[in-house]
All heavy atoms as atom14 arrays in JSON, in Angstrom:
{
  "sequence": "PQQGKWPCLFTPSNTTGEKDFEEFFTSNETIDLDRFQNLGIVKNGLA",
  "atom14_mask": [
    [1, 1, 1, 1, 1, 1, 1, 0, 0, 0, 0, 0, 0, 0],
    [1, 1, 1, 1, 1, 1, 1, 1, 1, 0, 0, 0, 0, 0],
    [1, 1, 1, 1, 1, 1, 1, 1, 1, 0, 0, 0, 0, 0],
    [1, 1, 1, 1, 0, 0, 0, 0, 0, 0, 0, 0, 0, 0],
    [1, 1, 1, 1, 1, 1, 1, 1, 1, 0, 0, 0, 0, 0],
    [1, 1, 1, 1, 1, 1, 1, 1, 1, 1, 1, 1, 1, 1],
    [1, 1, 1, 1, 1, 1, 1, 0, 0, 0, 0, 0, 0, 0],
    [1, 1, 1, 1, 1, 1, 0, 0, 0, 0, 0, 0, 0, 0],
    [1, 1, 1, 1, 1, 1, 1, 1, 0, 0, 0, 0, 0, 0],
    [1, 1, 1, 1, 1, 1, 1, 1, 1, 1, 1, 0, 0, 0],
    [1, 1, 1, 1, 1, 1, 1, 0, 0, 0, 0, 0, 0, 0],
    [1, 1, 1, 1, 1, 1, 1, 0, 0, 0, 0, 0, 0, 0],
    [1, 1, 1, 1, 1, 1, 0, 0, 0, 0, 0, 0, 0, 0],
    [1, 1, 1, 1, 1, 1, 1, 1, 0, 0, 0, 0, 0, 0],
    [1, 1, 1, 1, 1, 1, 1, 0, 0, 0, 0, 0, 0, 0],
    [1, 1, 1, 1, 1, 1, 1, 0, 0, 0, 0, 0, 0, 0],
    [1, 1, 1, 1, 0, 0, 0, 0, 0, 0, 0, 0, 0, 0],
    [1, 1, 1, 1, 1, 1, 1, 1, 1, 0, 0, 0, 0, 0],
    [1, 1, 1, 1, 1, 1, 1, 1, 1, 0, 0, 0, 0, 0],
    [1, 1, 1, 1, 1, 1, 1, 1, 0, 0, 0, 0, 0, 0],
    [1, 1, 1, 1, 1, 1, 1, 1, 1, 1, 1, 0, 0, 0],
    [1, 1, 1, 1, 1, 1, 1, 1, 1, 0, 0, 0, 0, 0],
    [1, 1, 1, 1, 1, 1, 1, 1, 1, 0, 0, 0, 0, 0],
    [1, 1, 1, 1, 1, 1, 1, 1, 1, 1, 1, 0, 0, 0],
    [1, 1, 1, 1, 1, 1, 1, 1, 1, 1, 1, 0, 0, 0],
    [1, 1, 1, 1, 1, 1, 1, 0, 0, 0, 0, 0, 0, 0],
    [1, 1, 1, 1, 1, 1, 0, 0, 0, 0, 0, 0, 0, 0],
    [1, 1, 1, 1, 1, 1, 1, 1, 0, 0, 0, 0, 0, 0],
    [1, 1, 1, 1, 1, 1, 1, 1, 1, 0, 0, 0, 0, 0],
    [1, 1, 1, 1, 1, 1, 1, 0, 0, 0, 0, 0, 0, 0],
    [1, 1, 1, 1, 1, 1, 1, 1, 0, 0, 0, 0, 0, 0],
    [1, 1, 1, 1, 1, 1, 1, 1, 0, 0, 0, 0, 0, 0],
    [1, 1, 1, 1, 1, 1, 1, 1, 0, 0, 0, 0, 0, 0],
    [1, 1, 1, 1, 1, 1, 1, 1, 0, 0, 0, 0, 0, 0],
    [1, 1, 1, 1, 1, 1, 1, 1, 1, 1, 1, 0, 0, 0],
    [1, 1, 1, 1, 1, 1, 1, 1, 1, 1, 1, 0, 0, 0],
    [1, 1, 1, 1, 1, 1, 1, 1, 1, 0, 0, 0, 0, 0],
    [1, 1, 1, 1, 1, 1, 1, 1, 0, 0, 0, 0, 0, 0],
    [1, 1, 1, 1, 1, 1, 1, 1, 0, 0, 0, 0, 0, 0],
    [1, 1, 1, 1, 0, 0, 0, 0, 0, 0, 0, 0, 0, 0],
    [1, 1, 1, 1, 1, 1, 1, 1, 0, 0, 0, 0, 0, 0],
    [1, 1, 1, 1, 1, 1, 1, 0, 0, 0, 0, 0, 0, 0],
    [1, 1, 1, 1, 1, 1, 1, 1, 1, 0, 0, 0, 0, 0],
    [1, 1, 1, 1, 1, 1, 1, 1, 0, 0, 0, 0, 0, 0],
    [1, 1, 1, 1, 0, 0, 0, 0, 0, 0, 0, 0, 0, 0],
    [1, 1, 1, 1, 1, 1, 1, 1, 0, 0, 0, 0, 0, 0],
    [1, 1, 1, 1, 1, 0, 0, 0, 0, 0, 0, 0, 0, 0]
  ],
  "atom14_positions": [
    [[-6.58, -37.92, 19.06], [-7.16, -37.67, 17.87], [-8.59, -38.15, 17.69], [-9.47, -37.57, 17.03], [-6.31, -38.65, 16.87], [-4.96, -38.52, 17.58], [-5.24, -38.57, 19.0], [0.0, 0.0, 0.0], [0.0, 0.0, 0.0], [0.0, 0.0, 0.0], [0.0, 0.0, 0.0], [0.0, 0.0, 0.0], [0.0, 0.0, 0.0], [0.0, 0.0, 0.0]],
    [[-9.0, -39.22, 18.46], [-10.35, -39.73, 18.42], [-11.27, -38.72, 19.02], [-12.51, -38.73, 18.77], [-10.42, -41.03, 19.28], [-9.7, -42.19, 18.55], [-8.33, -42.25, 19.05], [-7.53, -41.44, 19.19], [-7.92, -43.57, 19.39], [0.0, 0.0, 0.0], [0.0, 0.0, 0.0], [0.0, 0.0, 0.0], [0.0, 0.0, 0.0], [0.0, 0.0, 0.0]],
    [[-10.7, -37.72, 19.88], [-11.59, -36.63, 20.44], [-11.44, -35.38, 19.71], [-11.92, -34.38, 20.14], [-11.02, -36.49, 21.86], [-11.07, -37.66, 22.86], [-10.24, -37.41, 24.15], [-10.05, -36.3, 24.62], [-9.79, -38.57, 24.7], [0.0, 0.0, 0.0], [0.0, 0.0, 0.0], [0.0, 0.0, 0.0], [0.0, 0.0, 0.0], [0.0, 0.0, 0.0]],
    [[-10.86, -35.37, 18.44], [-10.73, -34.19, 17.6], [-9.64, -33.26, 18.13], [-9.61, -32.12, 17.78], [0.0, 0.0, 0.0], [0.0, 0.0, 0.0], [0.0, 0.0, 0.0], [0.0, 0.0, 0.0], [0.0, 0.0, 0.0], [0.0, 0.0, 0.0], [0.0, 0.0, 0.0], [0.0, 0.0, 0.0], [0.0, 0.0, 0.0], [0.0, 0.0, 0.0]],
    [[-8.7, -33.76, 18.92], [-7.52, -33.0, 19.36], [-6.19, -33.64, 18.9], [-6.17, -34.86, 18.62], [-7.48, -32.91, 20.86], [-8.75, -32.33, 21.44], [-8.76, -32.29, 23.03], [-10.05, -31.8, 23.57], [-10.09, -31.94, 25.14], [0.0, 0.0, 0.0], [0.0, 0.0, 0.0], [0.0, 0.0, 0.0], [0.0, 0.0, 0.0], [0.0, 0.0, 0.0]],
    [[-5.22, -32.8, 18.79], [-3.83, -33.38, 18.34], [-2.72, -32.98, 19.32], [-2.69, -31.62, 19.5], [-3.55, -32.98, 16.94], [-2.48, -33.96, 16.36], [-1.21, -33.84, 16.3], [-2.84, -35.0, 15.46], [-0.67, -34.87, 15.62], [-1.62, -35.52, 15.09], [-4.1, -35.62, 15.07], [-1.59, -36.82, 14.23], [-4.02, -36.82, 14.28], [-2.82, -37.22, 13.85]],
    [[-1.92, -33.78, 19.85], [-0.91, -33.21, 20.78], [0.21, -32.44, 20.1], [0.59, -32.85, 19.01], [-0.32, -34.59, 21.38], [-0.66, -35.62, 20.43], [-1.97, -35.07, 19.76], [0.0, 0.0, 0.0], [0.0, 0.0, 0.0], [0.0, 0.0, 0.0], [0.0, 0.0, 0.0], [0.0, 0.0, 0.0], [0.0, 0.0, 0.0], [0.0, 0.0, 0.0]],
    [[0.6, -31.39, 20.61], [1.63, -30.55, 20.13], [2.67, -30.23, 21.26], [2.31, -30.09, 22.45], [1.12, -29.2, 19.63], [-0.16, -29.32, 18.31], [0.0, 0.0, 0.0], [0.0, 0.0, 0.0], [0.0, 0.0, 0.0], [0.0, 0.0, 0.0], [0.0, 0.0, 0.0], [0.0, 0.0, 0.0], [0.0, 0.0, 0.0], [0.0, 0.0, 0.0]],
    [[3.83, -30.01, 20.88], [4.86, -29.53, 21.72], [5.6, -28.34, 21.21], [6.32, -28.55, 20.1], [5.96, -30.59, 22.03], [7.04, -30.34, 22.91], [6.57, -30.01, 24.34], [8.15, -31.57, 23.0], [0.0, 0.0, 0.0], [0.0, 0.0, 0.0], [0.0, 0.0, 0.0], [0.0, 0.0, 0.0], [0.0, 0.0, 0.0], [0.0, 0.0, 0.0]],
    [[5.55, -27.14, 21.7], [6.09, -26.0, 21.32], [7.07, -25.49, 22.32], [6.77, -25.22, 23.39], [5.01, -24.83, 21.07], [4.01, -25.35, 19.93], [2.62, -24.92, 20.32], [4.29, -26.01, 18.88], [1.6, -25.25, 19.29], [3.27, -26.44, 17.89], [1.98, -26.04, 18.19], [0.0, 0.0, 0.0], [0.0, 0.0, 0.0], [0.0, 0.0, 0.0]],
    [[8.35, -25.39, 21.93], [9.32, -24.95, 22.91], [10.3, -23.92, 22.34], [10.4, -23.94, 21.04], [10.27, -26.21, 23.37], [10.82, -26.82, 22.19], [9.31, -27.2, 23.99], [0.0, 0.0, 0.0], [0.0, 0.0, 0.0], [0.0, 0.0, 0.0], [0.0, 0.0, 0.0], [0.0, 0.0, 0.0], [0.0, 0.0, 0.0], [0.0, 0.0, 0.0]],
    [[11.02, -23.19, 23.09], [12.06, -22.21, 22.57], [13.15, -22.99, 21.72], [13.56, -24.09, 22.17], [12.47, -21.54, 23.83], [11.45, -21.75, 24.82], [10.93, -23.07, 24.47], [0.0, 0.0, 0.0], [0.0, 0.0, 0.0], [0.0, 0.0, 0.0], [0.0, 0.0, 0.0], [0.0, 0.0, 0.0], [0.0, 0.0, 0.0], [0.0, 0.0, 0.0]],
    [[13.68, -22.19, 20.83], [14.68, -22.89, 19.95], [16.06, -22.78, 20.78], [16.2, -21.8, 21.4], [14.91, -22.1, 18.71], [16.13, -22.57, 18.0], [0.0, 0.0, 0.0], [0.0, 0.0, 0.0], [0.0, 0.0, 0.0], [0.0, 0.0, 0.0], [0.0, 0.0, 0.0], [0.0, 0.0, 0.0], [0.0, 0.0, 0.0], [0.0, 0.0, 0.0]],
    [[16.74, -23.79, 20.89], [17.95, -23.93, 21.47], [19.12, -24.75, 20.77], [20.05, -25.25, 21.5], [17.88, -24.43, 22.96], [17.4, -25.86, 22.95], [16.96, -26.5, 21.8], [17.29, -26.66, 23.96], [0.0, 0.0, 0.0], [0.0, 0.0, 0.0], [0.0, 0.0, 0.0], [0.0, 0.0, 0.0], [0.0, 0.0, 0.0], [0.0, 0.0, 0.0]],
    [[18.99, -24.68, 19.42], [19.95, -25.45, 18.6], [20.84, -24.52, 17.87], [20.63, -23.37, 17.56], [19.21, -26.43, 17.63], [18.2, -25.71, 16.83], [18.34, -27.42, 18.46], [0.0, 0.0, 0.0], [0.0, 0.0, 0.0], [0.0, 0.0, 0.0], [0.0, 0.0, 0.0], [0.0, 0.0, 0.0], [0.0, 0.0, 0.0], [0.0, 0.0, 0.0]],
    [[21.98, -25.04, 17.45], [23.06, -24.36, 16.67], [22.54, -23.88, 15.37], [21.85, -24.56, 14.66], [24.18, -25.25, 16.5], [24.77, -25.66, 17.73], [25.33, -24.5, 15.61], [0.0, 0.0, 0.0], [0.0, 0.0, 0.0], [0.0, 0.0, 0.0], [0.0, 0.0, 0.0], [0.0, 0.0, 0.0], [0.0, 0.0, 0.0], [0.0, 0.0, 0.0]],
    [[22.74, -22.58, 15.14], [22.51, -22.09, 13.68], [21.19, -21.46, 13.44], [20.88, -21.09, 12.39], [0.0, 0.0, 0.0], [0.0, 0.0, 0.0], [0.0, 0.0, 0.0], [0.0, 0.0, 0.0], [0.0, 0.0, 0.0], [0.0, 0.0, 0.0], [0.0, 0.0, 0.0], [0.0, 0.0, 0.0], [0.0, 0.0, 0.0], [0.0, 0.0, 0.0]],
    [[20.33, -21.24, 14.45], [19.07, -20.73, 14.21], [18.97, -19.37, 14.62], [19.38, -18.93, 15.69], [17.91, -21.51, 15.08], [17.65, -22.87, 14.65], [17.14, -23.08, 13.27], [16.52, -22.14, 12.71], [17.33, -24.1, 12.71], [0.0, 0.0, 0.0], [0.0, 0.0, 0.0], [0.0, 0.0, 0.0], [0.0, 0.0, 0.0], [0.0, 0.0, 0.0]],
    [[18.41, -18.39, 13.65], [18.22, -17.03, 13.93], [16.92, -16.72, 14.37], [15.9, -17.54, 14.03], [18.4, -16.31, 12.55], [19.65, -15.78, 12.19], [19.63, -14.86, 10.96], [21.02, -14.27, 10.5], [20.8, -13.42, 9.37], [0.0, 0.0, 0.0], [0.0, 0.0, 0.0], [0.0, 0.0, 0.0], [0.0, 0.0, 0.0], [0.0, 0.0, 0.0]],
    [[16.66, -15.78, 15.35], [15.46, -15.54, 15.82], [14.53, -14.77, 14.67], [13.37, -14.74, 14.79], [15.6, -14.53, 16.95], [16.14, -15.24, 18.26], [16.0, -16.48, 18.33], [16.67, -14.45, 19.11], [0.0, 0.0, 0.0], [0.0, 0.0, 0.0], [0.0, 0.0, 0.0], [0.0, 0.0, 0.0], [0.0, 0.0, 0.0], [0.0, 0.0, 0.0]],
    [[15.25, -14.16, 13.66], [14.62, -13.48, 12.57], [15.25, -13.65, 11.28], [16.36, -14.37, 11.33], [14.58, -12.07, 13.0], [15.96, -11.44, 13.12], [16.62, -10.86, 12.02], [16.68, -11.5, 14.17], [17.92, -10.36, 12.07], [18.06, -11.08, 14.39], [18.6, -10.44, 13.32], [0.0, 0.0, 0.0], [0.0, 0.0, 0.0], [0.0, 0.0, 0.0]],
    [[14.66, -13.24, 10.2], [15.18, -13.28, 8.94], [15.56, -12.0, 8.25], [14.87, -11.07, 8.61], [14.2, -14.09, 7.97], [14.39, -15.63, 8.08], [13.45, -16.21, 7.06], [12.23, -15.93, 7.02], [13.94, -17.15, 6.31], [0.0, 0.0, 0.0], [0.0, 0.0, 0.0], [0.0, 0.0, 0.0], [0.0, 0.0, 0.0], [0.0, 0.0, 0.0]],
    [[16.56, -12.02, 7.51], [16.93, -10.78, 6.75], [17.36, -11.22, 5.36], [17.89, -12.2, 5.13], [17.87, -9.95, 7.4], [19.05, -10.73, 7.9], [19.99, -10.14, 8.87], [20.06, -8.68, 8.86], [20.69, -10.67, 9.63], [0.0, 0.0, 0.0], [0.0, 0.0, 0.0], [0.0, 0.0, 0.0], [0.0, 0.0, 0.0], [0.0, 0.0, 0.0]],
    [[17.18, -10.33, 4.29], [17.57, -10.68, 2.94], [18.74, -9.77, 2.48], [19.26, -10.11, 1.34], [16.36, -10.46, 2.02], [15.22, -11.38, 2.33], [14.13, -10.87, 3.06], [15.14, -12.71, 1.88], [12.96, -11.85, 3.36], [14.1, -13.66, 2.12], [13.19, -13.07, 2.94], [0.0, 0.0, 0.0], [0.0, 0.0, 0.0], [0.0, 0.0, 0.0]],
    [[19.17, -8.83, 3.21], [20.29, -8.01, 2.74], [20.98, -7.49, 4.04], [20.31, -7.34, 5.04], [19.87, -6.98, 1.68], [18.78, -6.07, 2.26], [19.03, -4.92, 2.91], [17.33, -6.42, 1.95], [18.02, -4.07, 3.35], [16.43, -5.67, 2.32], [16.62, -4.46, 3.14], [0.0, 0.0, 0.0], [0.0, 0.0, 0.0], [0.0, 0.0, 0.0]],
    [[22.18, -6.97, 3.88], [22.83, -6.33, 4.95], [22.87, -4.79, 4.83], [22.53, -4.3, 3.76], [24.31, -6.94, 4.89], [24.97, -6.54, 3.78], [24.28, -8.49, 5.09], [0.0, 0.0, 0.0], [0.0, 0.0, 0.0], [0.0, 0.0, 0.0], [0.0, 0.0, 0.0], [0.0, 0.0, 0.0], [0.0, 0.0, 0.0], [0.0, 0.0, 0.0]],
    [[23.28, -4.09, 5.87], [23.26, -2.8, 5.86], [24.23, -2.07, 4.91], [24.17, -1.0, 4.57], [23.56, -2.19, 7.27], [24.85, -2.7, 7.71], [0.0, 0.0, 0.0], [0.0, 0.0, 0.0], [0.0, 0.0, 0.0], [0.0, 0.0, 0.0], [0.0, 0.0, 0.0], [0.0, 0.0, 0.0], [0.0, 0.0, 0.0], [0.0, 0.0, 0.0]],
    [[25.31, -2.87, 4.51], [26.29, -2.33, 3.54], [26.15, -2.73, 2.1], [27.14, -2.55, 1.34], [27.67, -2.71, 4.04], [27.9, -4.21, 4.2], [27.1, -5.1, 3.9], [29.19, -4.62, 4.66], [0.0, 0.0, 0.0], [0.0, 0.0, 0.0], [0.0, 0.0, 0.0], [0.0, 0.0, 0.0], [0.0, 0.0, 0.0], [0.0, 0.0, 0.0]],
    [[24.95, -3.35, 1.86], [24.74, -3.78, 0.37], [23.8, -2.76, -0.26], [22.94, -2.08, 0.4], [24.04, -5.19, 0.42], [24.95, -6.28, 0.7], [24.19, -7.65, 0.72], [23.13, -7.81, 1.13], [24.93, -8.5, 0.21], [0.0, 0.0, 0.0], [0.0, 0.0, 0.0], [0.0, 0.0, 0.0], [0.0, 0.0, 0.0], [0.0, 0.0, 0.0]],
    [[23.94, -2.56, -1.47], [23.09, -1.61, -2.32], [21.91, -2.23, -2.77], [22.02, -3.27, -3.41], [24.1, -1.05, -3.48], [25.22, -0.42, -2.96], [23.3, 0.01, -4.37], [0.0, 0.0, 0.0], [0.0, 0.0, 0.0], [0.0, 0.0, 0.0], [0.0, 0.0, 0.0], [0.0, 0.0, 0.0], [0.0, 0.0, 0.0], [0.0, 0.0, 0.0]],
    [[20.81, -1.65, -2.62], [19.51, -2.23, -2.81], [18.74, -1.38, -3.79], [18.62, -0.13, -3.7], [18.71, -2.32, -1.49], [19.57, -3.03, -0.36], [17.35, -3.16, -1.68], [20.06, -4.47, -0.76], [0.0, 0.0, 0.0], [0.0, 0.0, 0.0], [0.0, 0.0, 0.0], [0.0, 0.0, 0.0], [0.0, 0.0, 0.0], [0.0, 0.0, 0.0]],
    [[18.1, -2.16, -4.72], [17.2, -1.56, -5.7], [15.68, -2.1, -5.27], [15.32, -3.22, -5.42], [17.49, -1.94, -7.08], [16.46, -1.48, -8.12], [15.51, -0.84, -7.66], [16.59, -1.7, -9.3], [0.0, 0.0, 0.0], [0.0, 0.0, 0.0], [0.0, 0.0, 0.0], [0.0, 0.0, 0.0], [0.0, 0.0, 0.0], [0.0, 0.0, 0.0]],
    [[14.86, -1.14, -4.8], [13.48, -1.63, -4.38], [12.39, -1.08, -5.43], [11.29, -1.04, -5.1], [13.21, -1.04, -3.03], [14.07, -1.68, -1.89], [13.65, -0.96, -0.53], [13.89, -3.09, -1.8], [0.0, 0.0, 0.0], [0.0, 0.0, 0.0], [0.0, 0.0, 0.0], [0.0, 0.0, 0.0], [0.0, 0.0, 0.0], [0.0, 0.0, 0.0]],
    [[12.78, -0.53, -6.5], [11.98, 0.27, -7.43], [11.68, -0.59, -8.68], [10.59, -0.35, -9.39], [12.58, 1.59, -7.81], [12.77, 2.44, -6.6], [11.94, 2.49, -5.67], [13.75, 3.17, -6.73], [0.0, 0.0, 0.0], [0.0, 0.0, 0.0], [0.0, 0.0, 0.0], [0.0, 0.0, 0.0], [0.0, 0.0, 0.0], [0.0, 0.0, 0.0]],
    [[12.53, -1.47, -9.16], [12.26, -2.06, -10.37], [11.02, -2.99, -10.47], [10.26, -3.06, -11.48], [13.57, -2.98, -10.9], [13.33, -3.5, -12.28], [14.54, -4.18, -12.58], [14.35, -4.89, -13.94], [15.09, -5.82, -14.53], [16.13, -6.32, -13.84], [14.78, -6.53, -15.65], [0.0, 0.0, 0.0], [0.0, 0.0, 0.0], [0.0, 0.0, 0.0]],
    [[10.72, -3.75, -9.43], [9.67, -4.65, -9.28], [8.8, -4.21, -8.04], [9.24, -3.61, -7.13], [10.09, -6.1, -9.09], [10.8, -6.67, -10.28], [12.23, -6.59, -10.35], [10.24, -7.16, -11.38], [13.06, -7.07, -11.48], [10.96, -7.69, -12.49], [12.47, -7.71, -12.53], [0.0, 0.0, 0.0], [0.0, 0.0, 0.0], [0.0, 0.0, 0.0]],
    [[7.56, -4.58, -8.06], [6.7, -4.21, -6.99], [6.96, -5.03, -5.87], [6.87, -4.43, -4.63], [5.24, -4.41, -7.51], [4.16, -4.12, -6.32], [2.8, -4.15, -6.84], [2.49, -3.67, -7.75], [1.89, -4.87, -6.12], [0.0, 0.0, 0.0], [0.0, 0.0, 0.0], [0.0, 0.0, 0.0], [0.0, 0.0, 0.0], [0.0, 0.0, 0.0]],
    [[7.12, -6.3, -5.98], [7.35, -7.19, -4.71], [8.63, -8.02, -4.68], [8.74, -8.94, -4.05], [6.18, -8.03, -4.57], [4.87, -7.41, -4.11], [5.03, -6.7, -2.98], [3.74, -7.62, -4.72], [0.0, 0.0, 0.0], [0.0, 0.0, 0.0], [0.0, 0.0, 0.0], [0.0, 0.0, 0.0], [0.0, 0.0, 0.0], [0.0, 0.0, 0.0]],
    [[9.53, -7.47, -5.52], [10.99, -8.01, -5.51], [11.88, -6.95, -5.3], [11.72, -5.93, -5.82], [11.32, -8.75, -6.72], [10.53, -10.13, -7.05], [10.94, -10.41, -8.55], [11.13, -11.15, -6.01], [0.0, 0.0, 0.0], [0.0, 0.0, 0.0], [0.0, 0.0, 0.0], [0.0, 0.0, 0.0], [0.0, 0.0, 0.0], [0.0, 0.0, 0.0]],
    [[12.96, -7.12, -4.48], [14.0, -6.35, -4.24], [15.32, -6.92, -4.92], [15.28, -8.09, -5.11], [0.0, 0.0, 0.0], [0.0, 0.0, 0.0], [0.0, 0.0, 0.0], [0.0, 0.0, 0.0], [0.0, 0.0, 0.0], [0.0, 0.0, 0.0], [0.0, 0.0, 0.0], [0.0, 0.0, 0.0], [0.0, 0.0, 0.0], [0.0, 0.0, 0.0]],
    [[16.34, -6.05, -5.14], [17.45, -6.52, -5.75], [18.75, -6.01, -5.16], [18.86, -4.8, -4.88], [17.51, -6.23, -7.26], [16.29, -6.55, -8.03], [18.78, -6.69, -7.96], [16.28, -5.99, -9.54], [0.0, 0.0, 0.0], [0.0, 0.0, 0.0], [0.0, 0.0, 0.0], [0.0, 0.0, 0.0], [0.0, 0.0, 0.0], [0.0, 0.0, 0.0]],
    [[19.58, -6.95, -4.77], [20.92, -6.46, -4.27], [21.8, -6.16, -5.49], [22.07, -7.2, -6.21], [21.58, -7.52, -3.34], [22.98, -7.1, -2.81], [20.76, -7.79, -1.93], [0.0, 0.0, 0.0], [0.0, 0.0, 0.0], [0.0, 0.0, 0.0], [0.0, 0.0, 0.0], [0.0, 0.0, 0.0], [0.0, 0.0, 0.0], [0.0, 0.0, 0.0]],
    [[22.25, -5.01, -5.57], [23.27, -4.73, -6.72], [24.6, -4.86, -6.28], [25.04, -4.27, -5.32], [22.95, -3.26, -7.15], [21.4, -2.98, -7.61], [20.92, -3.83, -8.74], [21.54, -3.31, -10.13], [21.0, -4.2, -11.19], [0.0, 0.0, 0.0], [0.0, 0.0, 0.0], [0.0, 0.0, 0.0], [0.0, 0.0, 0.0], [0.0, 0.0, 0.0]],
    [[25.42, -5.61, -7.08], [26.73, -5.81, -6.68], [27.69, -5.39, -7.82], [27.56, -5.52, -9.02], [26.93, -7.35, -6.54], [26.22, -7.83, -5.33], [26.78, -7.68, -4.21], [25.05, -8.59, -5.45], [0.0, 0.0, 0.0], [0.0, 0.0, 0.0], [0.0, 0.0, 0.0], [0.0, 0.0, 0.0], [0.0, 0.0, 0.0], [0.0, 0.0, 0.0]],
    [[28.79, -5.01, -7.36], [30.02, -4.79, -8.38], [31.0, -5.85, -8.26], [30.83, -6.79, -7.33], [0.0, 0.0, 0.0], [0.0, 0.0, 0.0], [0.0, 0.0, 0.0], [0.0, 0.0, 0.0], [0.0, 0.0, 0.0], [0.0, 0.0, 0.0], [0.0, 0.0, 0.0], [0.0, 0.0, 0.0], [0.0, 0.0, 0.0], [0.0, 0.0, 0.0]],
    [[32.13, -5.73, -8.89], [33.18, -6.7, -8.77], [33.92, -6.5, -7.47], [34.39, -5.3, -7.27], [34.1, -6.68, -9.98], [33.61, -7.38, -11.27], [34.54, -7.19, -12.46], [33.47, -8.83, -11.01], [0.0, 0.0, 0.0], [0.0, 0.0, 0.0], [0.0, 0.0, 0.0], [0.0, 0.0, 0.0], [0.0, 0.0, 0.0], [0.0, 0.0, 0.0]],
    [[34.32, -7.52, -6.71], [35.07, -7.29, -5.52], [36.49, -7.91, -5.75], [36.59, -8.88, -6.5], [34.33, -8.0, -4.33], [0.0, 0.0, 0.0], [0.0, 0.0, 0.0], [0.0, 0.0, 0.0], [0.0, 0.0, 0.0], [0.0, 0.0, 0.0], [0.0, 0.0, 0.0], [0.0, 0.0, 0.0], [0.0, 0.0, 0.0], [0.0, 0.0, 0.0]]
  ]
}
């Protein structure tokens, strides 16, 4: 730090429960992408 540098350690993930990517809905869910500009909605019925 006195030299204006900061040590970092970046390694591949190898722990339980981590996804490589993110998703907000599944292929079998009904989606409304029209009501809002930057919000989507999963539309659900009673199961």
